PDB file of N, CA and C in Angstrom:
ATOM      1  N   MET A   1    -125.455 -28.744-153.036  1.00  0.00           N
ATOM      2  CA  MET A   1    -126.564 -29.029-152.443  1.00  0.00           C
ATOM      3  C   MET A   1    -127.716 -28.216-152.746  1.00  0.00           C
ATOM      4  N   ARG A   2    -128.878 -28.734-153.135  1.00  0.00           N
ATOM      5  CA  ARG A   2    -129.987 -27.723-153.228  1.00  0.00           C
ATOM      6  C   ARG A   2    -130.916 -27.715-152.146  1.00  0.00           C
ATOM      7  N   VAL A   3    -131.134 -26.267-151.919  1.00  0.00           N
ATOM      8  CA  VAL A   3    -131.861 -25.860-150.700  1.00  0.00           C
ATOM      9  C   VAL A   3    -133.080 -25.035-151.045  1.00  0.00           C
ATOM     10  N   HIS A   4    -134.380 -25.839-150.589  1.00  0.00           N
ATOM     11  CA  HIS A   4    -135.564 -25.138-150.955  1.00  0.00           C
ATOM     12  C   HIS A   4    -135.818 -24.080-149.790  1.00  0.00           C
ATOM     13  N   ILE A   5    -136.106 -22.884-149.997  1.00  0.00           N
ATOM     14  CA  ILE A   5    -136.402 -21.582-149.126  1.00  0.00           C
ATOM     15  C   ILE A   5    -137.875 -21.382-149.122  1.00  0.00           C
ATOM     16  N   PRO A   6    -138.398 -21.169-147.931  1.00  0.00           N
ATOM     17  CA  PRO A   6    -139.872 -20.739-147.722  1.00  0.00           C
ATOM     18  C   PRO A   6    -140.026 -19.473-148.102  1.00  0.00           C
ATOM     19  N   GLY A   7    -141.356 -18.954-148.531  1.00  0.00           N
ATOM     20  CA  GLY A   7    -141.573 -17.575-148.941  1.00  0.00           C
ATOM     21  C   GLY A   7    -141.198 -16.671-147.922  1.00  0.00           C
ATOM     22  N   PRO A   8    -141.418 -16.953-146.688  1.00  0.00           N
ATOM     23  CA  PRO A   8    -141.073 -15.745-145.674  1.00  0.00           C
ATOM     24  C   PRO A   8    -139.523 -15.446-145.557  1.00  0.00           C
ATOM     25  N   LEU A   9    -138.849 -16.307-146.012  1.00  0.00           N
ATOM     26  CA  LEU A   9    -137.352 -16.181-146.025  1.00  0.00           C
ATOM     27  C   LEU A   9    -136.786 -15.762-147.221  1.00  0.00           C
ATOM     28  N   ARG A  10    -137.479 -15.607-148.443  1.00  0.00           N
ATOM     29  CA  ARG A  10    -136.882 -15.283-149.665  1.00  0.00           C
ATOM     30  C   ARG A  10    -136.529 -13.867-149.741  1.00  0.00           C
ATOM     31  N   SER A  11    -136.784 -13.021-148.781  1.00  0.00           N
ATOM     32  CA  SER A  11    -136.395 -11.876-148.949  1.00  0.00           C
ATOM     33  C   SER A  11    -134.767 -11.582-148.669  1.00  0.00           C
ATOM     34  N   TYR A  12    -134.244 -12.654-147.978  1.00  0.00           N
ATOM     35  CA  TYR A  12    -132.833 -12.918-147.628  1.00  0.00           C
ATOM     36  C   TYR A  12    -132.143 -13.219-149.027  1.00  0.00           C
ATOM     37  N   THR A  13    -132.932 -14.228-149.732  1.00  0.00           N
ATOM     38  CA  THR A  13    -132.168 -14.728-150.968  1.00  0.00           C
ATOM     39  C   THR A  13    -132.674 -14.053-152.189  1.00  0.00           C
ATOM     40  N   ARG A  14    -132.988 -12.847-152.184  1.00  0.00           N
ATOM     41  CA  ARG A  14    -133.468 -11.906-153.202  1.00  0.00           C
ATOM     42  C   ARG A  14    -134.371 -12.598-153.892  1.00  0.00           C
ATOM     43  N   GLY A  15    -135.491 -13.538-153.337  1.00  0.00           N
ATOM     44  CA  GLY A  15    -136.598 -13.761-153.917  1.00  0.00           C
ATOM     45  C   GLY A  15    -136.311 -15.183-154.411  1.00  0.00           C
ATOM     46  N   ALA A  16    -135.225 -15.897-154.409  1.00  0.00           N
ATOM     47  CA  ALA A  16    -134.961 -17.263-155.172  1.00  0.00           C
ATOM     48  C   ALA A  16    -135.504 -18.136-154.115  1.00  0.00           C
ATOM     49  N   ALA A  17    -136.329 -19.122-154.625  1.00  0.00           N
ATOM     50  CA  ALA A  17    -136.989 -20.217-153.935  1.00  0.00           C
ATOM     51  C   ALA A  17    -136.081 -21.486-153.678  1.00  0.00           C
ATOM     52  N   ARG A  18    -134.891 -21.493-154.631  1.00  0.00           N
ATOM     53  CA  ARG A  18    -133.960 -22.591-154.431  1.00  0.00           C
ATOM     54  C   ARG A  18    -132.683 -22.034-154.756  1.00  0.00           C
ATOM     55  N   VAL A  19    -131.786 -22.443-154.008  1.00  0.00           N
ATOM     56  CA  VAL A  19    -130.298 -21.963-153.990  1.00  0.00           C
ATOM     57  C   VAL A  19    -129.321 -23.116-154.050  1.00  0.00           C
ATOM     58  N   GLU A  20    -128.153 -23.310-154.369  1.00  0.00           N
ATOM     59  CA  GLU A  20    -127.423 -24.240-154.267  1.00  0.00           C
ATOM     60  C   GLU A  20    -126.259 -23.725-153.406  1.00  0.00           C
ATOM     61  N   VAL A  21    -125.844 -24.624-152.221  1.00  0.00           N
ATOM     62  CA  VAL A  21    -124.771 -24.464-151.453  1.00  0.00           C
ATOM     63  C   VAL A  21    -124.179 -25.586-151.154  1.00  0.00           C
ATOM     64  N   PRO A  22    -122.769 -25.703-150.852  1.00  0.00           N
ATOM     65  CA  PRO A  22    -122.011 -26.805-150.803  1.00  0.00           C
ATOM     66  C   PRO A  22    -122.173 -27.179-149.151  1.00  0.00           C
ATOM     67  N   GLY A  23    -121.886 -28.425-148.772  1.00  0.00           N
ATOM     68  CA  GLY A  23    -121.968 -28.559-147.338  1.00  0.00           C
ATOM     69  C   GLY A  23    -122.066 -30.436-147.069  1.00  0.00           C
ATOM     70  N   GLU A  24    -121.421 -30.861-146.351  1.00  0.00           N
ATOM     71  CA  GLU A  24    -121.481 -32.343-146.025  1.00  0.00           C
ATOM     72  C   GLU A  24    -122.419 -32.514-144.829  1.00  0.00           C
ATOM     73  N   SER A  25    -122.834 -31.579-144.180  1.00  0.00           N
ATOM     74  CA  SER A  25    -124.131 -31.968-143.032  1.00  0.00           C
ATOM     75  C   SER A  25    -125.028 -30.589-143.173  1.00  0.00           C
ATOM     76  N   VAL A  26    -126.066 -30.824-142.399  1.00  0.00           N
ATOM     77  CA  VAL A  26    -127.111 -29.768-142.432  1.00  0.00           C
ATOM     78  C   VAL A  26    -126.601 -28.736-141.730  1.00  0.00           C
ATOM     79  N   ALA A  27    -125.769 -28.697-140.975  1.00  0.00           N
ATOM     80  CA  ALA A  27    -125.161 -27.539-140.271  1.00  0.00           C
ATOM     81  C   ALA A  27    -124.244 -26.665-141.143  1.00  0.00           C
ATOM     82  N   GLN A  28    -123.588 -27.500-141.981  1.00  0.00           N
ATOM     83  CA  GLN A  28    -122.608 -26.724-142.821  1.00  0.00           C
ATOM     84  C   GLN A  28    -123.441 -26.283-143.912  1.00  0.00           C
ATOM     85  N   VAL A  29    -124.595 -26.649-144.354  1.00  0.00           N
ATOM     86  CA  VAL A  29    -125.292 -26.188-145.402  1.00  0.00           C
ATOM     87  C   VAL A  29    -125.888 -24.838-144.904  1.00  0.00           C
ATOM     88  N   LEU A  30    -126.244 -24.915-143.721  1.00  0.00           N
ATOM     89  CA  LEU A  30    -126.823 -23.780-143.161  1.00  0.00           C
ATOM     90  C   LEU A  30    -125.952 -22.690-142.849  1.00  0.00           C
ATOM     91  N   LYS A  31    -124.826 -22.984-142.422  1.00  0.00           N
ATOM     92  CA  LYS A  31    -123.649 -22.118-142.309  1.00  0.00           C
ATOM     93  C   LYS A  31    -123.267 -21.460-143.664  1.00  0.00           C
ATOM     94  N   GLU A  32    -123.128 -22.039-144.644  1.00  0.00           N
ATOM     95  CA  GLU A  32    -122.836 -21.519-146.152  1.00  0.00           C
ATOM     96  C   GLU A  32    -124.172 -20.729-146.482  1.00  0.00           C
ATOM     97  N   LEU A  33    -125.132 -21.259-146.224  1.00  0.00           N
ATOM     98  CA  LEU A  33    -126.297 -20.317-146.542  1.00  0.00           C
ATOM     99  C   LEU A  33    -126.205 -19.007-146.122  1.00  0.00           C
ATOM    100  N   ASP A  34    -125.954 -19.168-144.562  1.00  0.00           N
ATOM    101  CA  ASP A  34    -125.793 -17.666-143.964  1.00  0.00           C
ATOM    102  C   ASP A  34    -124.564 -16.739-144.585  1.00  0.00           C
ATOM    103  N   GLY A  35    -123.517 -17.593-144.897  1.00  0.00           N
ATOM    104  CA  GLY A  35    -122.353 -16.857-145.526  1.00  0.00           C
ATOM    105  C   GLY A  35    -122.879 -16.072-146.656  1.00  0.00           C
ATOM    106  N   ARG A  36    -123.760 -16.609-147.452  1.00  0.00           N
ATOM    107  CA  ARG A  36    -124.107 -16.146-148.653  1.00  0.00           C
ATOM    108  C   ARG A  36    -125.302 -15.060-148.515  1.00  0.00           C
ATOM    109  N   PHE A  37    -126.054 -15.569-147.678  1.00  0.00           N
ATOM    110  CA  PHE A  37    -127.252 -14.682-147.317  1.00  0.00           C
ATOM    111  C   PHE A  37    -127.222 -14.216-145.729  1.00  0.00           C
ATOM    112  N   PRO A  38    -126.572 -13.424-145.252  1.00  0.00           N
ATOM    113  CA  PRO A  38    -126.383 -12.999-143.968  1.00  0.00           C
ATOM    114  C   PRO A  38    -127.491 -12.721-143.313  1.00  0.00           C
ATOM    115  N   GLY A  39    -127.718 -13.590-142.060  1.00  0.00           N
ATOM    116  CA  GLY A  39    -128.993 -13.218-141.240  1.00  0.00           C
ATOM    117  C   GLY A  39    -129.979 -14.295-141.239  1.00  0.00           C
ATOM    118  N   ILE A  40    -129.897 -15.261-142.343  1.00  0.00           N
ATOM    119  CA  ILE A  40    -131.049 -16.161-142.965  1.00  0.00           C
ATOM    120  C   ILE A  40    -130.915 -17.362-141.761  1.00  0.00           C
ATOM    121  N   ARG A  41    -129.771 -17.658-141.200  1.00  0.00           N
ATOM    122  CA  ARG A  41    -129.633 -18.599-140.265  1.00  0.00           C
ATOM    123  C   ARG A  41    -130.302 -18.350-139.027  1.00  0.00           C
ATOM    124  N   PHE A  42    -130.049 -17.082-138.505  1.00  0.00           N
ATOM    125  CA  PHE A  42    -130.756 -16.839-137.114  1.00  0.00           C
ATOM    126  C   PHE A  42    -132.099 -16.842-137.208  1.00  0.00           C
ATOM    127  N   ARG A  43    -132.717 -16.662-138.419  1.00  0.00           N
ATOM    128  CA  ARG A  43    -134.135 -16.924-138.468  1.00  0.00           C
ATOM    129  C   ARG A  43    -134.699 -18.247-138.483  1.00  0.00           C
ATOM    130  N   MET A  44    -133.761 -19.284-138.617  1.00  0.00           N
ATOM    131  CA  MET A  44    -134.253 -20.642-138.747  1.00  0.00           C
ATOM    132  C   MET A  44    -133.345 -21.343-137.450  1.00  0.00           C
ATOM    133  N   ILE A  45    -132.401 -20.900-136.673  1.00  0.00           N
ATOM    134  CA  ILE A  45    -131.687 -21.582-135.653  1.00  0.00           C
ATOM    135  C   ILE A  45    -131.616 -20.718-134.578  1.00  0.00           C
ATOM    136  N   ASP A  46    -131.976 -21.150-133.296  1.00  0.00           N
ATOM    137  CA  ASP A  46    -131.844 -20.307-132.182  1.00  0.00           C
ATOM    138  C   ASP A  46    -130.483 -20.096-131.725  1.00  0.00           C
ATOM    139  N   GLU A  47    -130.154 -19.592-130.449  1.00  0.00           N
ATOM    140  CA  GLU A  47    -128.888 -19.133-129.880  1.00  0.00           C
ATOM    141  C   GLU A  47    -128.427 -20.570-129.330  1.00  0.00           C
ATOM    142  N   GLN A  48    -129.181 -21.529-129.108  1.00  0.00           N
ATOM    143  CA  GLN A  48    -128.693 -22.900-128.569  1.00  0.00           C
ATOM    144  C   GLN A  48    -128.259 -23.826-129.616  1.00  0.00           C
ATOM    145  N   ASP A  49    -128.308 -23.560-130.921  1.00  0.00           N
ATOM    146  CA  ASP A  49    -128.222 -24.256-132.135  1.00  0.00           C
ATOM    147  C   ASP A  49    -129.173 -25.187-132.280  1.00  0.00           C
ATOM    148  N   CYS A  50    -130.601 -24.928-131.980  1.00  0.00           N
ATOM    149  CA  CYS A  50    -131.521 -25.683-132.220  1.00  0.00           C
ATOM    150  C   CYS A  50    -132.632 -24.947-133.316  1.00  0.00           C
ATOM    151  N   VAL A  51    -133.109 -25.785-134.021  1.00  0.00           N
ATOM    152  CA  VAL A  51    -134.124 -25.476-135.119  1.00  0.00           C
ATOM    153  C   VAL A  51    -135.322 -24.859-134.404  1.00  0.00           C
ATOM    154  N   ARG A  52    -135.656 -23.583-134.734  1.00  0.00           N
ATOM    155  CA  ARG A  52    -136.757 -22.528-133.996  1.00  0.00           C
ATOM    156  C   ARG A  52    -138.032 -23.549-134.108  1.00  0.00           C
ATOM    157  N   THR A  53    -139.026 -23.438-133.125  1.00  0.00           N
ATOM    158  CA  THR A  53    -140.111 -24.092-133.039  1.00  0.00           C
ATOM    159  C   THR A  53    -141.000 -23.670-134.400  1.00  0.00           C
ATOM    160  N   HIS A  54    -140.934 -22.658-134.937  1.00  0.00           N
ATOM    161  CA  HIS A  54    -141.805 -22.489-135.965  1.00  0.00           C
ATOM    162  C   HIS A  54    -141.357 -22.914-137.328  1.00  0.00           C
ATOM    163  N   MET A  55    -140.001 -23.631-137.275  1.00  0.00           N
ATOM    164  CA  MET A  55    -139.265 -23.832-138.561  1.00  0.00           C
ATOM    165  C   MET A  55    -139.098 -25.274-138.577  1.00  0.00           C
ATOM    166  N   LYS A  56    -139.108 -25.876-139.801  1.00  0.00           N
ATOM    167  CA  LYS A  56    -138.976 -27.445-139.894  1.00  0.00           C
ATOM    168  C   LYS A  56    -137.990 -27.434-141.113  1.00  0.00           C
ATOM    169  N   VAL A  57    -137.066 -28.462-140.828  1.00  0.00           N
ATOM    170  CA  VAL A  57    -135.753 -28.662-141.821  1.00  0.00           C
ATOM    171  C   VAL A  57    -136.106 -30.118-142.214  1.00  0.00           C
ATOM    172  N   PHE A  58    -136.000 -30.525-143.479  1.00  0.00           N
ATOM    173  CA  PHE A  58    -136.188 -31.783-143.889  1.00  0.00           C
ATOM    174  C   PHE A  58    -134.913 -32.083-144.836  1.00  0.00           C
ATOM    175  N   VAL A  59    -134.521 -33.322-144.824  1.00  0.00           N
ATOM    176  CA  VAL A  59    -133.648 -33.843-146.064  1.00  0.00           C
ATOM    177  C   VAL A  59    -134.358 -34.924-146.626  1.00  0.00           C
ATOM    178  N   ASN A  60    -134.777 -34.441-147.911  1.00  0.00           N
ATOM    179  CA  ASN A  60    -135.591 -35.315-148.698  1.00  0.00           C
ATOM    180  C   ASN A  60    -136.932 -35.268-148.220  1.00  0.00           C
ATOM    181  N   THR A  61    -137.424 -36.257-147.679  1.00  0.00           N
ATOM    182  CA  THR A  61    -138.614 -36.500-147.019  1.00  0.00           C
ATOM    183  C   THR A  61    -138.652 -36.591-145.436  1.00  0.00           C
ATOM    184  N   GLU A  62    -137.296 -36.566-144.966  1.00  0.00           N
ATOM    185  CA  GLU A  62    -137.276 -36.936-143.564  1.00  0.00           C
ATOM    186  C   GLU A  62    -136.932 -35.572-142.741  1.00  0.00           C
ATOM    187  N   GLN A  63    -137.686 -35.405-141.621  1.00  0.00           N
ATOM    188  CA  GLN A  63    -137.634 -34.211-140.685  1.00  0.00           C
ATOM    189  C   GLN A  63    -136.318 -34.493-139.875  1.00  0.00           C
ATOM    190  N   VAL A  64    -135.684 -33.245-140.049  1.00  0.00           N
ATOM    191  CA  VAL A  64    -134.082 -33.397-139.295  1.00  0.00           C
ATOM    192  C   VAL A  64    -134.301 -32.501-138.067  1.00  0.00           C
ATOM    193  N   HIS A  65    -133.748 -33.267-136.783  1.00  0.00           N
ATOM    194  CA  HIS A  65    -133.644 -32.552-135.479  1.00  0.00           C
ATOM    195  C   HIS A  65    -132.097 -32.414-135.256  1.00  0.00           C
ATOM    196  N   ASP A  66    -131.246 -33.390-135.638  1.00  0.00           N
ATOM    197  CA  ASP A  66    -129.731 -33.286-135.723  1.00  0.00           C
ATOM    198  C   ASP A  66    -129.183 -32.528-136.644  1.00  0.00           C
ATOM    199  N   LEU A  67    -128.752 -31.265-136.466  1.00  0.00           N
ATOM    200  CA  LEU A  67    -128.069 -30.540-137.654  1.00  0.00           C
ATOM    201  C   LEU A  67    -126.723 -31.304-137.943  1.00  0.00           C
ATOM    202  N   GLY A  68    -126.122 -32.054-137.242  1.00  0.00           N
ATOM    203  CA  GLY A  68    -125.029 -32.733-137.568  1.00  0.00           C
ATOM    204  C   GLY A  68    -125.318 -33.716-138.799  1.00  0.00           C
ATOM    205  N   ARG A  69    -126.452 -34.200-138.869  1.00  0.00           N
ATOM    206  CA  ARG A  69    -126.787 -35.294-139.966  1.00  0.00           C
ATOM    207  C   ARG A  69    -125.920 -34.925-141.238  1.00  0.00           C
ATOM    208  N   PRO A  70    -125.292 -36.160-141.561  1.00  0.00           N
ATOM    209  CA  PRO A  70    -124.490 -36.040-142.920  1.00  0.00           C
ATOM    210  C   PRO A  70    -125.419 -35.936-144.031  1.00  0.00           C
ATOM    211  N   LEU A  71    -125.030 -35.481-145.231  1.00  0.00           N
ATOM    212  CA  LEU A  71    -125.622 -35.253-146.404  1.00  0.00           C
ATOM    213  C   LEU A  71    -124.853 -35.768-147.629  1.00  0.00           C
ATOM    214  N   SER A  72    -125.568 -36.299-148.589  1.00  0.00           N
ATOM    215  CA  SER A  72    -125.006 -36.884-149.713  1.00  0.00           C
ATOM    216  C   SER A  72    -125.090 -35.854-150.812  1.00  0.00           C
ATOM    217  N   ALA A  73    -124.526 -35.881-151.917  1.00  0.00           N
ATOM    218  CA  ALA A  73    -124.707 -34.819-153.116  1.00  0.00           C
ATOM    219  C   ALA A  73    -126.198 -34.893-153.671  1.00  0.00           C
ATOM    220  N   ALA A  74    -126.787 -36.082-153.598  1.00  0.00           N
ATOM    221  CA  ALA A  74    -128.311 -36.269-154.310  1.00  0.00           C
ATOM    222  C   ALA A  74    -129.271 -35.720-153.412  1.00  0.00           C
ATOM    223  N   ASP A  75    -128.918 -35.382-151.969  1.00  0.00           N
ATOM    224  CA  ASP A  75    -129.872 -35.020-151.034  1.00  0.00           C
ATOM    225  C   ASP A  75    -130.429 -33.510-151.330  1.00  0.00           C
ATOM    226  N   GLU A  76    -131.526 -33.182-150.904  1.00  0.00           N
ATOM    227  CA  GLU A  76    -131.910 -31.741-150.991  1.00  0.00           C
ATOM    228  C   GLU A  76    -132.524 -31.531-149.558  1.00  0.00           C
ATOM    229  N   VAL A  77    -132.291 -30.266-149.191  1.00  0.00           N
ATOM    230  CA  VAL A  77    -132.569 -29.618-147.849  1.00  0.00           C
ATOM    231  C   VAL A  77    -133.869 -28.703-148.223  1.00  0.00           C
ATOM    232  N   ILE A  78    -135.019 -29.046-147.356  1.00  0.00           N
ATOM    233  CA  ILE A  78    -136.253 -28.317-147.583  1.00  0.00           C
ATOM    234  C   ILE A  78    -136.489 -27.684-146.314  1.00  0.00           C
ATOM    235  N   ILE A  79    -136.605 -26.199-146.204  1.00  0.00           N
ATOM    236  CA  ILE A  79    -136.859 -25.584-144.923  1.00  0.00           C
ATOM    237  C   ILE A  79    -138.439 -25.148-145.037  1.00  0.00           C
ATOM    238  N   LEU A  80    -138.960 -25.265-144.305  1.00  0.00           N
ATOM    239  CA  LEU A  80    -140.456 -25.061-143.989  1.00  0.00           C
ATOM    240  C   LEU A  80    -140.475 -23.977-142.782  1.00  0.00           C
ATOM    241  N   CYS A  81    -141.650 -23.184-142.828  1.00  0.00           N
ATOM    242  CA  CYS A  81    -141.898 -22.472-141.514  1.00  0.00           C
ATOM    243  C   CYS A  81    -143.378 -22.369-141.437  1.00  0.00           C
ATOM    244  N   ALA A  82    -143.905 -22.367-140.269  1.00  0.00           N
ATOM    245  CA  ALA A  82    -145.265 -22.276-139.807  1.00  0.00           C
ATOM    246  C   ALA A  82    -145.951 -20.731-140.224  1.00  0.00           C
ATOM    247  N   LEU A  83    -146.919 -20.762-140.510  1.00  0.00           N
ATOM    248  CA  LEU A  83    -147.718 -19.570-140.615  1.00  0.00           C
ATOM    249  C   LEU A  83    -148.813 -19.331-139.626  1.00  0.00           C
ATOM    250  N   SER A  84    -148.947 -18.290-139.054  1.00  0.00           N
ATOM    251  CA  SER A  84    -150.164 -18.255-138.095  1.00  0.00           C
ATOM    252  C   SER A  84    -150.835 -16.999-138.480  1.00  0.00           C
ATOM    253  N   GLY A  85    -152.055 -16.947-137.817  1.00  0.00           N
ATOM    254  CA  GLY A  85    -152.386 -15.577-138.077  1.00  0.00           C
ATOM    255  C   GLY A  85    -153.967 -15.740-137.116  1.00  0.00           C
ATOM    256  N   GLY A  86    -154.859 -14.563-137.411  1.00  0.00           N
ATOM    257  CA  GLY A  86    -155.996 -14.528-136.712  1.00  0.00           C
ATOM    258  C   GLY A  86    -156.974 -13.907-137.473  1.00  0.00           C
TER     259      GLY A  86
END
């Protein structure tokens, strides 16, 4: 499964903008991602297993709220994060 990593999280992936990880659901992909890049999942998912408010997870072009959403081999997971400043 191809996963697109936003700039602020690339320090976990050694600068990689895209990585390949296996998984049959969004939750499994995020777990595999964290296994390969420890700590990255906590930056996206809170203690209640919900996507953090400043993060968005998409499968192809559809925003995902249910991490149990099944995936097919052709799907891509896109992770976005909001930026703020003053």
